[in-house]
């Protein structure tokens, strides 16, 4: 063995590339609702709770 365990290798990967991958996923998820074609879908989702509420109160 060369002194490097699997745990150490995975820990090093998570500390470097894992953090970068999580940051990319976070930015994509935060920016997703603000994309140009999402206005109609966002409006539908915002008003979904009011569908079928025709009792007039």
C-alpha atoms as a PDB file:
ATOM      1  CA  UNK A   1       0.000   0.000   0.000  1.00  0.00           C
ATOM      2  CA  UNK A   2       1.155   3.496  -0.689  1.00  0.00           C
ATOM      3  CA  UNK A   3      -0.310   5.053   2.457  1.00  0.00           C
ATOM      4  CA  UNK A   4      -3.370   6.593   0.804  1.00  0.00           C
ATOM      5  CA  UNK A   5      -6.643   5.014   1.736  1.00  0.00           C
ATOM      6  CA  UNK A   6      -9.829   5.084  -0.236  1.00  0.00           C
ATOM      7  CA  UNK A   7     -11.327   7.346   2.426  1.00  0.00           C
ATOM      8  CA  UNK A   8      -8.541   9.893   1.992  1.00  0.00           C
ATOM      9  CA  UNK A   9      -8.927   9.857  -1.785  1.00  0.00           C
ATOM     10  CA  UNK A  10     -12.688  10.341  -1.603  1.00  0.00           C
ATOM     11  CA  UNK A  11     -12.287  13.027   1.039  1.00  0.00           C
ATOM     12  CA  UNK A  12      -9.861  14.941  -1.167  1.00  0.00           C
ATOM     13  CA  UNK A  13     -12.242  14.625  -4.134  1.00  0.00           C
ATOM     14  CA  UNK A  14     -15.204  15.840  -2.070  1.00  0.00           C
ATOM     15  CA  UNK A  15     -13.221  18.782  -0.712  1.00  0.00           C
ATOM     16  CA  UNK A  16     -12.263  19.971  -4.180  1.00  0.00           C
ATOM     17  CA  UNK A  17     -14.536  18.851  -7.011  1.00  0.00           C
ATOM     18  CA  UNK A  18     -17.503  17.906  -4.837  1.00  0.00           C
ATOM     19  CA  UNK A  19     -17.775  21.457  -3.534  1.00  0.00           C
ATOM     20  CA  UNK A  20     -17.529  22.848  -7.067  1.00  0.00           C
ATOM     21  CA  UNK A  21     -20.250  20.463  -8.292  1.00  0.00           C
ATOM     22  CA  UNK A  22     -22.589  21.398  -5.434  1.00  0.00           C
ATOM     23  CA  UNK A  23     -22.021  25.084  -6.169  1.00  0.00           C
ATOM     24  CA  UNK A  24     -22.909  24.593  -9.845  1.00  0.00           C
ATOM     25  CA  UNK A  25     -26.074  22.674  -8.919  1.00  0.00           C
ATOM     26  CA  UNK A  26     -27.052  25.418  -6.463  1.00  0.00           C
ATOM     27  CA  UNK A  27     -26.597  28.194  -9.038  1.00  0.00           C
ATOM     28  CA  UNK A  28     -28.602  26.280 -11.655  1.00  0.00           C
ATOM     29  CA  UNK A  29     -31.460  25.590  -9.232  1.00  0.00           C
ATOM     30  CA  UNK A  30     -31.599  29.222  -8.088  1.00  0.00           C
ATOM     31  CA  UNK A  31     -31.502  30.563 -11.674  1.00  0.00           C
ATOM     32  CA  UNK A  32     -34.004  28.033 -13.105  1.00  0.00           C
ATOM     33  CA  UNK A  33     -37.224  29.968 -12.281  1.00  0.00           C
ATOM     34  CA  UNK A  34     -35.793  33.144 -13.835  1.00  0.00           C
ATOM     35  CA  UNK A  35     -35.134  31.692 -17.287  1.00  0.00           C
ATOM     36  CA  UNK A  36     -36.897  33.523 -20.150  1.00  0.00           C
ATOM     37  CA  UNK A  37     -39.564  30.902 -20.957  1.00  0.00           C
ATOM     38  CA  UNK A  38     -40.661  30.223 -17.384  1.00  0.00           C
ATOM     39  CA  UNK A  39     -43.102  33.104 -16.791  1.00  0.00           C
ATOM     40  CA  UNK A  40     -46.221  31.193 -17.874  1.00  0.00           C
ATOM     41  CA  UNK A  41     -45.304  28.095 -15.854  1.00  0.00           C
ATOM     42  CA  UNK A  42     -44.452  30.180 -12.770  1.00  0.00           C
ATOM     43  CA  UNK A  43     -47.777  32.039 -13.018  1.00  0.00           C
ATOM     44  CA  UNK A  44     -49.656  28.742 -13.271  1.00  0.00           C
ATOM     45  CA  UNK A  45     -47.851  27.378 -10.219  1.00  0.00           C
ATOM     46  CA  UNK A  46     -48.509  30.559  -8.228  1.00  0.00           C
ATOM     47  CA  UNK A  47     -52.248  30.460  -8.960  1.00  0.00           C
ATOM     48  CA  UNK A  48     -52.716  26.694  -8.673  1.00  0.00           C
ATOM     49  CA  UNK A  49     -54.032  26.909  -5.101  1.00  0.00           C
ATOM     50  CA  UNK A  50     -56.927  29.109  -6.242  1.00  0.00           C
ATOM     51  CA  UNK A  51     -58.277  26.693  -8.897  1.00  0.00           C
ATOM     52  CA  UNK A  52     -61.717  25.349  -8.109  1.00  0.00           C
ATOM     53  CA  UNK A  53     -62.354  28.139  -5.610  1.00  0.00           C
ATOM     54  CA  UNK A  54     -65.571  29.333  -7.248  1.00  0.00           C
ATOM     55  CA  UNK A  55     -67.741  29.716  -4.152  1.00  0.00           C
ATOM     56  CA  UNK A  56     -67.506  33.511  -4.258  1.00  0.00           C
ATOM     57  CA  UNK A  57     -66.363  34.079  -0.688  1.00  0.00           C
END
